[in-house]
Amino acid sequence: MGNAGMEFLLLWADELDDALAVLRHYAPRILGLIVALALFAATGLALILAPHVTLAVFAVILSATLFETLRRRRARIAAERDD
């Protein structure tokens, strides 16, 4: 009976080790999902509580993204011309 109990504990410890390894592997993805869901909820709350301010912030962020994309595209085209 003692050997069966020891074997059970060793198998359980092995399975636990495998589960922790998988968790360590997927931890960044899981945390990223949690952060994305939290940002989505915060955005919804901000749109309910202060829609004008939230939309203005969105406009500024989207404009900055657009200008940065255009700047990089122009820099890439200029670099290709120089080559």
N, C-alpha and C. Protein backbone atom coordinates (compact mmCIF):
# COMPACT_ATOMS: atom_id res chain seq x y z
N MET A 1 0.82 -1.19 0.00
CA MET A 1 0.00 0.00 0.00
C MET A 1 0.86 1.26 0.00
N GLY A 2 2.02 1.19 0.61
CA GLY A 2 2.89 2.34 0.69
C GLY A 2 3.46 2.73 -0.66
N ASN A 3 3.82 1.71 -1.49
CA ASN A 3 4.36 2.00 -2.81
C ASN A 3 3.33 2.65 -3.71
N ALA A 4 2.08 2.23 -3.61
CA ALA A 4 1.03 2.81 -4.44
C ALA A 4 0.80 4.27 -4.07
N GLY A 5 0.84 4.54 -2.78
CA GLY A 5 0.68 5.94 -2.34
C GLY A 5 1.83 6.81 -2.81
N MET A 6 3.05 6.28 -2.73
CA MET A 6 4.22 7.04 -3.18
C MET A 6 4.16 7.27 -4.69
N GLU A 7 3.74 6.25 -5.44
CA GLU A 7 3.62 6.39 -6.89
C GLU A 7 2.58 7.45 -7.24
N PHE A 8 1.47 7.43 -6.50
CA PHE A 8 0.42 8.43 -6.74
C PHE A 8 0.96 9.84 -6.50
N LEU A 9 1.71 10.03 -5.40
CA LEU A 9 2.26 11.34 -5.10
C LEU A 9 3.27 11.79 -6.15
N LEU A 10 4.10 10.86 -6.63
CA LEU A 10 5.08 11.21 -7.65
C LEU A 10 4.39 11.60 -8.96
N LEU A 11 3.36 10.86 -9.34
CA LEU A 11 2.62 11.20 -10.55
C LEU A 11 1.91 12.54 -10.40
N TRP A 12 1.36 12.80 -9.21
CA TRP A 12 0.68 14.06 -8.95
C TRP A 12 1.67 15.22 -9.03
N ALA A 13 2.85 15.04 -8.45
CA ALA A 13 3.88 16.09 -8.49
C ALA A 13 4.34 16.34 -9.93
N ASP A 14 4.45 15.28 -10.72
CA ASP A 14 4.85 15.42 -12.12
C ASP A 14 3.79 16.19 -12.91
N GLU A 15 2.53 15.87 -12.68
CA GLU A 15 1.45 16.57 -13.37
C GLU A 15 1.41 18.05 -12.94
N LEU A 16 1.64 18.30 -11.67
CA LEU A 16 1.66 19.67 -11.17
C LEU A 16 2.80 20.45 -11.81
N ASP A 17 3.96 19.82 -11.92
CA ASP A 17 5.11 20.46 -12.56
C ASP A 17 4.81 20.79 -14.03
N ASP A 18 4.16 19.87 -14.74
CA ASP A 18 3.79 20.12 -16.13
C ASP A 18 2.78 21.26 -16.24
N ALA A 19 1.82 21.29 -15.33
CA ALA A 19 0.82 22.36 -15.35
C ALA A 19 1.45 23.72 -15.08
N LEU A 20 2.40 23.78 -14.15
CA LEU A 20 3.08 25.05 -13.86
C LEU A 20 3.95 25.49 -15.04
N ALA A 21 4.56 24.54 -15.73
CA ALA A 21 5.36 24.90 -16.91
C ALA A 21 4.48 25.49 -18.00
N VAL A 22 3.31 24.90 -18.21
CA VAL A 22 2.38 25.44 -19.20
C VAL A 22 1.91 26.83 -18.78
N LEU A 23 1.62 26.99 -17.50
CA LEU A 23 1.19 28.29 -17.01
C LEU A 23 2.27 29.35 -17.19
N ARG A 24 3.52 29.00 -16.93
CA ARG A 24 4.62 29.94 -17.16
C ARG A 24 4.74 30.29 -18.63
N HIS A 25 4.49 29.32 -19.49
CA HIS A 25 4.60 29.55 -20.92
C HIS A 25 3.51 30.50 -21.42
N TYR A 26 2.29 30.31 -20.91
CA TYR A 26 1.15 31.11 -21.38
C TYR A 26 0.86 32.34 -20.52
N ALA A 27 1.63 32.58 -19.48
CA ALA A 27 1.38 33.70 -18.58
C ALA A 27 1.36 35.05 -19.31
N PRO A 28 2.29 35.35 -20.22
CA PRO A 28 2.22 36.64 -20.91
C PRO A 28 0.94 36.81 -21.72
N ARG A 29 0.49 35.74 -22.37
CA ARG A 29 -0.76 35.83 -23.14
C ARG A 29 -1.97 36.02 -22.23
N ILE A 30 -1.97 35.31 -21.12
CA ILE A 30 -3.08 35.43 -20.18
C ILE A 30 -3.12 36.83 -19.59
N LEU A 31 -1.96 37.35 -19.19
CA LEU A 31 -1.92 38.71 -18.65
C LEU A 31 -2.29 39.74 -19.70
N GLY A 32 -1.87 39.53 -20.93
CA GLY A 32 -2.25 40.43 -22.01
C GLY A 32 -3.75 40.46 -22.23
N LEU A 33 -4.37 39.30 -22.16
CA LEU A 33 -5.83 39.23 -22.29
C LEU A 33 -6.52 39.95 -21.15
N ILE A 34 -6.03 39.76 -19.94
CA ILE A 34 -6.63 40.43 -18.79
C ILE A 34 -6.48 41.95 -18.91
N VAL A 35 -5.31 42.42 -19.34
CA VAL A 35 -5.10 43.86 -19.53
C VAL A 35 -6.02 44.39 -20.62
N ALA A 36 -6.14 43.66 -21.73
CA ALA A 36 -7.01 44.11 -22.82
C ALA A 36 -8.47 44.19 -22.36
N LEU A 37 -8.92 43.21 -21.60
CA LEU A 37 -10.29 43.24 -21.10
C LEU A 37 -10.50 44.39 -20.12
N ALA A 38 -9.50 44.65 -19.28
CA ALA A 38 -9.60 45.76 -18.33
C ALA A 38 -9.64 47.10 -19.07
N LEU A 39 -8.83 47.25 -20.11
CA LEU A 39 -8.86 48.48 -20.90
C LEU A 39 -10.18 48.65 -21.62
N PHE A 40 -10.73 47.56 -22.11
CA PHE A 40 -12.03 47.61 -22.77
C PHE A 40 -13.11 48.06 -21.78
N ALA A 41 -13.10 47.49 -20.59
CA ALA A 41 -14.08 47.88 -19.57
C ALA A 41 -13.88 49.33 -19.14
N ALA A 42 -12.63 49.75 -18.99
CA ALA A 42 -12.36 51.14 -18.60
C ALA A 42 -12.80 52.10 -19.70
N THR A 43 -12.63 51.72 -20.96
CA THR A 43 -13.07 52.56 -22.06
C THR A 43 -14.59 52.70 -22.05
N GLY A 44 -15.29 51.61 -21.84
CA GLY A 44 -16.75 51.68 -21.76
C GLY A 44 -17.21 52.56 -20.62
N LEU A 45 -16.56 52.42 -19.47
CA LEU A 45 -16.91 53.25 -18.32
C LEU A 45 -16.61 54.72 -18.60
N ALA A 46 -15.47 54.99 -19.23
CA ALA A 46 -15.12 56.37 -19.56
C ALA A 46 -16.10 56.96 -20.57
N LEU A 47 -16.55 56.16 -21.53
CA LEU A 47 -17.53 56.67 -22.49
C LEU A 47 -18.87 56.97 -21.83
N ILE A 48 -19.20 56.24 -20.78
CA ILE A 48 -20.45 56.50 -20.06
C ILE A 48 -20.32 57.74 -19.17
N LEU A 49 -19.20 57.84 -18.45
CA LEU A 49 -19.04 58.93 -17.49
C LEU A 49 -18.62 60.26 -18.12
N ALA A 50 -17.75 60.23 -19.10
CA ALA A 50 -17.24 61.47 -19.71
C ALA A 50 -17.06 61.25 -21.21
N PRO A 51 -18.15 61.21 -21.97
CA PRO A 51 -18.02 60.86 -23.39
C PRO A 51 -17.23 61.89 -24.22
N HIS A 52 -17.39 63.17 -23.93
CA HIS A 52 -16.69 64.17 -24.74
C HIS A 52 -15.18 64.11 -24.53
N VAL A 53 -14.78 63.97 -23.30
CA VAL A 53 -13.35 63.89 -23.00
C VAL A 53 -12.76 62.61 -23.59
N THR A 54 -13.47 61.52 -23.44
CA THR A 54 -12.98 60.23 -23.95
C THR A 54 -12.83 60.27 -25.46
N LEU A 55 -13.81 60.81 -26.14
CA LEU A 55 -13.73 60.88 -27.60
C LEU A 55 -12.62 61.83 -28.04
N ALA A 56 -12.39 62.90 -27.30
CA ALA A 56 -11.28 63.80 -27.63
C ALA A 56 -9.94 63.09 -27.47
N VAL A 57 -9.82 62.30 -26.41
CA VAL A 57 -8.57 61.53 -26.19
C VAL A 57 -8.38 60.52 -27.32
N PHE A 58 -9.47 59.84 -27.71
CA PHE A 58 -9.38 58.90 -28.84
C PHE A 58 -8.93 59.61 -30.11
N ALA A 59 -9.47 60.78 -30.37
CA ALA A 59 -9.10 61.54 -31.57
C ALA A 59 -7.62 61.89 -31.56
N VAL A 60 -7.11 62.31 -30.41
CA VAL A 60 -5.69 62.66 -30.31
C VAL A 60 -4.82 61.42 -30.53
N ILE A 61 -5.19 60.31 -29.92
CA ILE A 61 -4.40 59.08 -30.07
C ILE A 61 -4.42 58.60 -31.52
N LEU A 62 -5.59 58.60 -32.15
CA LEU A 62 -5.67 58.16 -33.54
C LEU A 62 -4.92 59.10 -34.48
N SER A 63 -4.97 60.40 -34.21
CA SER A 63 -4.23 61.35 -35.04
C SER A 63 -2.73 61.13 -34.90
N ALA A 64 -2.27 60.92 -33.67
CA ALA A 64 -0.84 60.68 -33.46
C ALA A 64 -0.41 59.40 -34.16
N THR A 65 -1.25 58.37 -34.10
CA THR A 65 -0.94 57.12 -34.79
C THR A 65 -0.87 57.31 -36.29
N LEU A 66 -1.81 58.05 -36.82
CA LEU A 66 -1.82 58.32 -38.26
C LEU A 66 -0.59 59.10 -38.69
N PHE A 67 -0.24 60.15 -37.95
CA PHE A 67 0.93 60.95 -38.30
C PHE A 67 2.21 60.13 -38.19
N GLU A 68 2.31 59.28 -37.19
CA GLU A 68 3.50 58.45 -37.04
C GLU A 68 3.60 57.44 -38.19
N THR A 69 2.48 56.87 -38.61
CA THR A 69 2.48 55.94 -39.73
C THR A 69 2.92 56.65 -41.01
N LEU A 70 2.40 57.82 -41.24
CA LEU A 70 2.80 58.59 -42.43
C LEU A 70 4.28 58.95 -42.38
N ARG A 71 4.78 59.36 -41.20
CA ARG A 71 6.20 59.71 -41.08
C ARG A 71 7.08 58.51 -41.38
N ARG A 72 6.72 57.34 -40.87
CA ARG A 72 7.52 56.14 -41.13
C ARG A 72 7.47 55.75 -42.60
N ARG A 73 6.29 55.88 -43.21
CA ARG A 73 6.16 55.54 -44.63
C ARG A 73 7.02 56.47 -45.48
N ARG A 74 6.98 57.76 -45.17
CA ARG A 74 7.81 58.72 -45.92
C ARG A 74 9.30 58.45 -45.70
N ALA A 75 9.68 58.12 -44.48
CA ALA A 75 11.09 57.82 -44.20
C ALA A 75 11.53 56.57 -44.95
N ARG A 76 10.66 55.56 -45.02
CA ARG A 76 11.01 54.33 -45.75
C ARG A 76 11.15 54.61 -47.23
N ILE A 77 10.24 55.41 -47.79
CA ILE A 77 10.32 55.75 -49.22
C ILE A 77 11.58 56.54 -49.50
N ALA A 78 11.91 57.49 -48.61
CA ALA A 78 13.13 58.28 -48.81
C ALA A 78 14.38 57.39 -48.71
N ALA A 79 14.37 56.42 -47.81
CA ALA A 79 15.51 55.52 -47.67
C ALA A 79 15.64 54.62 -48.91
N GLU A 80 14.51 54.20 -49.48
CA GLU A 80 14.56 53.38 -50.69
C GLU A 80 15.07 54.17 -51.87
N ARG A 81 14.77 55.45 -51.93
CA ARG A 81 15.27 56.31 -53.03
C ARG A 81 16.78 56.50 -52.93
N ASP A 82 17.27 56.60 -51.67
CA ASP A 82 18.70 56.81 -51.48
C ASP A 82 19.51 55.58 -51.85
N ASP A 83 18.91 54.42 -51.75
CA ASP A 83 19.62 53.16 -52.06
C ASP A 83 19.64 52.96 -53.53
